[in-house]
Amino acid sequence: MTDEPIVAEPEGQGPLWPPRATAAMDELLEMVWPETGLQTGSRVSLRPKDALGEDDTIELDIDFVTLTLSPLEFIQLASFLRMSVDGLLERHPGLQRAVVNAFDIRE
């Protein structure tokens, strides 16, 4: 008898345990924000140029949390965040300095 958990396998799919190996990932960006110490990073499935598909993944790391999203989900999340930032800056324009500081870090 083994100590491994017994996991039911959906018809037509391989074993769920142990976890399947994931595709190689390519780092898009990694940053630590100096004002807050927030650690952020993003990686995408390693593919030739313009060959990313909906079965591929994009990993978004925010401190100790990792979100694994499809390319479309990642774009939708980024759009939502952009609209949220725009709304926040409309209500509190004094935060615009944080946007300027973000671009200073990239250079």
N, C-alpha and C. Protein backbone atom coordinates (compact mmCIF):
# COMPACT_ATOMS: atom_id res chain seq x y z
N MET A 1 0.84 -1.17 0.00
CA MET A 1 0.00 0.00 0.00
C MET A 1 0.89 1.24 0.00
N THR A 2 0.49 2.27 -0.80
CA THR A 2 1.29 3.50 -0.89
C THR A 2 0.62 4.62 -0.11
N ASP A 3 1.40 5.65 0.14
CA ASP A 3 0.88 6.83 0.85
C ASP A 3 0.31 7.86 -0.12
N GLU A 4 0.41 7.62 -1.43
CA GLU A 4 -0.09 8.58 -2.40
C GLU A 4 -1.62 8.59 -2.39
N PRO A 5 -2.21 9.79 -2.51
CA PRO A 5 -3.66 9.86 -2.51
C PRO A 5 -4.25 9.22 -3.76
N ILE A 6 -5.44 8.70 -3.63
CA ILE A 6 -6.14 8.13 -4.77
C ILE A 6 -7.00 9.23 -5.37
N VAL A 7 -6.76 9.51 -6.65
CA VAL A 7 -7.48 10.58 -7.33
C VAL A 7 -8.18 9.97 -8.54
N ALA A 8 -9.47 10.21 -8.65
CA ALA A 8 -10.21 9.71 -9.80
C ALA A 8 -9.77 10.45 -11.05
N GLU A 9 -9.61 9.72 -12.14
CA GLU A 9 -9.20 10.32 -13.40
C GLU A 9 -10.41 10.49 -14.31
N PRO A 10 -10.62 11.71 -14.83
CA PRO A 10 -11.70 11.90 -15.79
C PRO A 10 -11.43 11.06 -17.04
N GLU A 11 -12.48 10.56 -17.64
CA GLU A 11 -12.35 9.73 -18.82
C GLU A 11 -11.56 10.45 -19.91
N GLY A 12 -10.59 9.76 -20.48
CA GLY A 12 -9.82 10.31 -21.60
C GLY A 12 -8.68 11.21 -21.18
N GLN A 13 -8.42 11.36 -19.88
CA GLN A 13 -7.32 12.20 -19.44
C GLN A 13 -6.31 11.35 -18.69
N GLY A 14 -5.07 11.84 -18.66
CA GLY A 14 -4.02 11.13 -17.96
C GLY A 14 -4.16 11.26 -16.47
N PRO A 15 -3.23 10.70 -15.71
CA PRO A 15 -3.33 10.75 -14.25
C PRO A 15 -3.24 12.17 -13.72
N LEU A 16 -4.00 12.43 -12.66
CA LEU A 16 -3.96 13.74 -12.03
C LEU A 16 -2.90 13.80 -10.93
N TRP A 17 -2.44 12.64 -10.49
CA TRP A 17 -1.38 12.58 -9.49
C TRP A 17 -0.36 11.58 -9.91
N PRO A 18 0.92 11.87 -9.94
CA PRO A 18 1.49 13.15 -9.59
C PRO A 18 1.17 14.21 -10.64
N PRO A 19 1.30 15.50 -10.29
CA PRO A 19 0.97 16.56 -11.23
C PRO A 19 1.79 16.44 -12.51
N ARG A 20 1.19 16.84 -13.61
CA ARG A 20 1.88 16.81 -14.89
C ARG A 20 2.95 17.88 -14.94
N ALA A 21 4.01 17.62 -15.70
CA ALA A 21 5.04 18.62 -15.90
C ALA A 21 4.47 19.75 -16.75
N THR A 22 4.83 20.98 -16.42
CA THR A 22 4.34 22.11 -17.18
C THR A 22 5.34 22.47 -18.27
N ALA A 23 4.84 23.19 -19.27
CA ALA A 23 5.70 23.62 -20.37
C ALA A 23 6.75 24.59 -19.84
N ALA A 24 7.85 24.70 -20.57
CA ALA A 24 8.89 25.66 -20.20
C ALA A 24 8.31 27.07 -20.23
N MET A 25 8.76 27.89 -19.31
CA MET A 25 8.23 29.25 -19.21
C MET A 25 9.32 30.26 -19.56
N ASP A 26 8.89 31.37 -20.14
CA ASP A 26 9.78 32.47 -20.53
C ASP A 26 9.41 33.68 -19.68
N GLU A 27 10.39 34.26 -18.99
CA GLU A 27 10.10 35.41 -18.12
C GLU A 27 9.83 36.65 -18.95
N LEU A 28 8.69 37.28 -18.70
CA LEU A 28 8.34 38.54 -19.37
C LEU A 28 8.91 39.73 -18.60
N LEU A 29 8.66 39.74 -17.29
CA LEU A 29 9.06 40.88 -16.49
C LEU A 29 9.09 40.47 -15.03
N GLU A 30 10.06 41.01 -14.30
CA GLU A 30 10.12 40.81 -12.86
C GLU A 30 10.55 42.13 -12.24
N MET A 31 9.78 42.58 -11.24
CA MET A 31 10.07 43.86 -10.61
C MET A 31 9.80 43.79 -9.11
N VAL A 32 10.61 44.52 -8.35
CA VAL A 32 10.34 44.77 -6.95
C VAL A 32 10.16 46.28 -6.84
N TRP A 33 8.98 46.68 -6.39
CA TRP A 33 8.66 48.11 -6.31
C TRP A 33 9.34 48.71 -5.08
N PRO A 34 10.24 49.70 -5.28
CA PRO A 34 11.02 50.22 -4.16
C PRO A 34 10.18 50.92 -3.09
N GLU A 35 9.06 51.55 -3.47
CA GLU A 35 8.26 52.28 -2.48
C GLU A 35 7.59 51.34 -1.48
N THR A 36 7.20 50.16 -1.94
CA THR A 36 6.42 49.26 -1.09
C THR A 36 7.08 47.91 -0.85
N GLY A 37 8.06 47.55 -1.67
CA GLY A 37 8.67 46.23 -1.58
C GLY A 37 7.84 45.15 -2.26
N LEU A 38 6.77 45.55 -2.96
CA LEU A 38 5.92 44.60 -3.66
C LEU A 38 6.72 43.88 -4.75
N GLN A 39 6.73 42.55 -4.68
CA GLN A 39 7.44 41.74 -5.67
C GLN A 39 6.45 41.25 -6.71
N THR A 40 6.73 41.54 -7.97
CA THR A 40 5.83 41.16 -9.06
C THR A 40 6.64 40.50 -10.16
N GLY A 41 5.99 39.60 -10.87
CA GLY A 41 6.64 38.95 -12.00
C GLY A 41 5.62 38.32 -12.91
N SER A 42 6.03 38.10 -14.16
CA SER A 42 5.15 37.42 -15.11
C SER A 42 5.99 36.55 -16.03
N ARG A 43 5.43 35.36 -16.31
CA ARG A 43 6.07 34.39 -17.20
C ARG A 43 5.01 33.86 -18.15
N VAL A 44 5.46 33.45 -19.32
CA VAL A 44 4.55 32.93 -20.34
C VAL A 44 5.12 31.64 -20.89
N SER A 45 4.24 30.76 -21.35
CA SER A 45 4.70 29.52 -21.98
C SER A 45 5.69 29.86 -23.09
N LEU A 46 6.78 29.13 -23.14
CA LEU A 46 7.82 29.38 -24.14
C LEU A 46 7.36 28.85 -25.49
N ARG A 47 7.14 29.75 -26.42
CA ARG A 47 6.67 29.42 -27.76
C ARG A 47 7.38 30.31 -28.78
N PRO A 48 7.44 29.88 -30.05
CA PRO A 48 7.95 30.78 -31.10
C PRO A 48 7.07 32.02 -31.20
N LYS A 49 7.61 33.07 -31.80
CA LYS A 49 6.88 34.33 -31.93
C LYS A 49 5.51 34.12 -32.57
N ASP A 50 4.50 34.69 -31.95
CA ASP A 50 3.11 34.68 -32.43
C ASP A 50 2.50 33.28 -32.48
N ALA A 51 2.98 32.37 -31.63
CA ALA A 51 2.45 31.00 -31.62
C ALA A 51 1.78 30.66 -30.28
N LEU A 52 1.49 31.66 -29.46
CA LEU A 52 0.84 31.43 -28.18
C LEU A 52 -0.63 31.14 -28.42
N GLY A 53 -1.13 30.10 -27.78
CA GLY A 53 -2.53 29.72 -27.95
C GLY A 53 -3.27 29.71 -26.62
N GLU A 54 -4.56 29.46 -26.67
CA GLU A 54 -5.39 29.47 -25.47
C GLU A 54 -5.09 28.31 -24.52
N ASP A 55 -4.38 27.29 -24.98
CA ASP A 55 -3.98 26.19 -24.10
C ASP A 55 -2.70 26.52 -23.33
N ASP A 56 -2.04 27.62 -23.71
CA ASP A 56 -0.83 28.04 -23.02
C ASP A 56 -1.22 28.83 -21.78
N THR A 57 -0.23 29.11 -20.94
CA THR A 57 -0.51 29.83 -19.70
C THR A 57 0.41 31.02 -19.51
N ILE A 58 -0.10 31.96 -18.76
CA ILE A 58 0.68 33.10 -18.30
C ILE A 58 0.60 33.08 -16.79
N GLU A 59 1.75 33.11 -16.14
CA GLU A 59 1.79 33.13 -14.67
C GLU A 59 2.07 34.55 -14.22
N LEU A 60 1.26 35.02 -13.31
CA LEU A 60 1.41 36.34 -12.73
C LEU A 60 1.68 36.17 -11.24
N ASP A 61 2.87 36.60 -10.79
CA ASP A 61 3.24 36.50 -9.38
C ASP A 61 3.10 37.86 -8.72
N ILE A 62 2.40 37.88 -7.60
CA ILE A 62 2.28 39.08 -6.79
C ILE A 62 2.63 38.66 -5.37
N ASP A 63 3.81 39.07 -4.93
CA ASP A 63 4.37 38.61 -3.66
C ASP A 63 4.31 37.09 -3.59
N PHE A 64 3.51 36.52 -2.72
CA PHE A 64 3.50 35.07 -2.54
C PHE A 64 2.32 34.39 -3.23
N VAL A 65 1.59 35.12 -4.08
CA VAL A 65 0.44 34.57 -4.81
C VAL A 65 0.80 34.42 -6.28
N THR A 66 0.46 33.28 -6.87
CA THR A 66 0.66 33.08 -8.30
C THR A 66 -0.68 32.80 -8.96
N LEU A 67 -1.02 33.59 -9.96
CA LEU A 67 -2.21 33.35 -10.78
C LEU A 67 -1.75 32.71 -12.07
N THR A 68 -2.41 31.64 -12.48
CA THR A 68 -2.13 31.00 -13.75
C THR A 68 -3.34 31.20 -14.63
N LEU A 69 -3.15 31.92 -15.72
CA LEU A 69 -4.25 32.34 -16.59
C LEU A 69 -3.97 31.98 -18.03
N SER A 70 -5.03 31.86 -18.82
CA SER A 70 -4.86 31.74 -20.27
C SER A 70 -4.47 33.12 -20.79
N PRO A 71 -3.92 33.21 -21.99
CA PRO A 71 -3.59 34.54 -22.54
C PRO A 71 -4.79 35.49 -22.56
N LEU A 72 -5.96 35.00 -22.93
CA LEU A 72 -7.15 35.85 -22.96
C LEU A 72 -7.54 36.32 -21.56
N GLU A 73 -7.49 35.43 -20.59
CA GLU A 73 -7.80 35.81 -19.21
C GLU A 73 -6.81 36.85 -18.69
N PHE A 74 -5.53 36.69 -19.04
CA PHE A 74 -4.50 37.64 -18.62
C PHE A 74 -4.79 39.02 -19.20
N ILE A 75 -5.14 39.08 -20.48
CA ILE A 75 -5.46 40.36 -21.13
C ILE A 75 -6.71 40.97 -20.51
N GLN A 76 -7.71 40.15 -20.21
CA GLN A 76 -8.92 40.67 -19.58
C GLN A 76 -8.61 41.23 -18.18
N LEU A 77 -7.78 40.53 -17.42
CA LEU A 77 -7.41 41.01 -16.10
C LEU A 77 -6.63 42.33 -16.20
N ALA A 78 -5.69 42.39 -17.14
CA ALA A 78 -4.91 43.61 -17.33
C ALA A 78 -5.82 44.77 -17.73
N SER A 79 -6.79 44.52 -18.58
CA SER A 79 -7.74 45.57 -18.98
C SER A 79 -8.56 46.04 -17.79
N PHE A 80 -9.02 45.09 -16.98
CA PHE A 80 -9.77 45.44 -15.78
C PHE A 80 -8.93 46.31 -14.85
N LEU A 81 -7.67 45.91 -14.63
CA LEU A 81 -6.80 46.68 -13.75
C LEU A 81 -6.55 48.08 -14.30
N ARG A 82 -6.36 48.17 -15.62
CA ARG A 82 -6.14 49.49 -16.24
C ARG A 82 -7.36 50.38 -16.05
N MET A 83 -8.56 49.84 -16.25
CA MET A 83 -9.78 50.63 -16.06
C MET A 83 -9.94 51.02 -14.58
N SER A 84 -9.55 50.12 -13.68
CA SER A 84 -9.63 50.42 -12.25
C SER A 84 -8.66 51.54 -11.88
N VAL A 85 -7.44 51.49 -12.43
CA VAL A 85 -6.46 52.55 -12.18
C VAL A 85 -6.98 53.88 -12.72
N ASP A 86 -7.53 53.87 -13.93
CA ASP A 86 -8.08 55.10 -14.50
C ASP A 86 -9.17 55.68 -13.60
N GLY A 87 -10.05 54.82 -13.09
CA GLY A 87 -11.11 55.28 -12.18
C GLY A 87 -10.55 55.82 -10.88
N LEU A 88 -9.53 55.16 -10.35
CA LEU A 88 -8.91 55.61 -9.11
C LEU A 88 -8.25 56.98 -9.31
N LEU A 89 -7.55 57.16 -10.45
CA LEU A 89 -6.87 58.43 -10.70
C LEU A 89 -7.85 59.57 -10.97
N GLU A 90 -9.03 59.25 -11.51
CA GLU A 90 -10.05 60.28 -11.68
C GLU A 90 -10.51 60.80 -10.32
N ARG A 91 -10.66 59.89 -9.36
CA ARG A 91 -11.14 60.27 -8.03
C ARG A 91 -10.03 60.84 -7.15
N HIS A 92 -8.80 60.39 -7.39
CA HIS A 92 -7.67 60.80 -6.54
C HIS A 92 -6.46 61.11 -7.43
N PRO A 93 -6.50 62.27 -8.14
CA PRO A 93 -5.44 62.59 -9.10
C PRO A 93 -4.06 62.75 -8.47
N GLY A 94 -4.00 62.95 -7.16
CA GLY A 94 -2.71 63.06 -6.49
C GLY A 94 -1.88 61.79 -6.57
N LEU A 95 -2.51 60.66 -6.86
CA LEU A 95 -1.78 59.40 -6.99
C LEU A 95 -1.06 59.27 -8.33
N GLN A 96 -1.20 60.25 -9.20
CA GLN A 96 -0.55 60.21 -10.52
C GLN A 96 0.96 60.02 -10.38
N ARG A 97 1.53 60.51 -9.31
CA ARG A 97 2.99 60.38 -9.09
C ARG A 97 3.40 58.91 -9.07
N ALA A 98 2.56 58.03 -8.57
CA ALA A 98 2.88 56.59 -8.55
C ALA A 98 3.01 56.05 -9.96
N VAL A 99 2.23 56.58 -10.89
CA VAL A 99 2.31 56.15 -12.29
C VAL A 99 3.64 56.59 -12.89
N VAL A 100 4.02 57.83 -12.63
CA VAL A 100 5.29 58.35 -13.13
C VAL A 100 6.46 57.54 -12.56
N ASN A 101 6.40 57.23 -11.27
CA ASN A 101 7.45 56.43 -10.64
C ASN A 101 7.55 55.04 -11.26
N ALA A 102 6.43 54.47 -11.65
CA ALA A 102 6.44 53.14 -12.26
C ALA A 102 7.22 53.15 -13.57
N PHE A 103 7.07 54.20 -14.36
CA PHE A 103 7.80 54.27 -15.62
C PHE A 103 9.29 54.54 -15.39
N ASP A 104 9.64 55.23 -14.31
CA ASP A 104 11.04 55.47 -13.99
C ASP A 104 11.75 54.17 -13.67
N ILE A 105 11.05 53.20 -13.06
CA ILE A 105 11.68 51.92 -12.70
C ILE A 105 12.04 51.12 -13.94
N ARG A 106 11.20 51.17 -14.97
CA ARG A 106 11.42 50.36 -16.19
C ARG A 106 12.65 50.80 -16.98
N GLU A 107 13.10 52.03 -16.84
CA GLU A 107 14.20 52.53 -17.68
C GLU A 107 15.54 52.20 -17.15
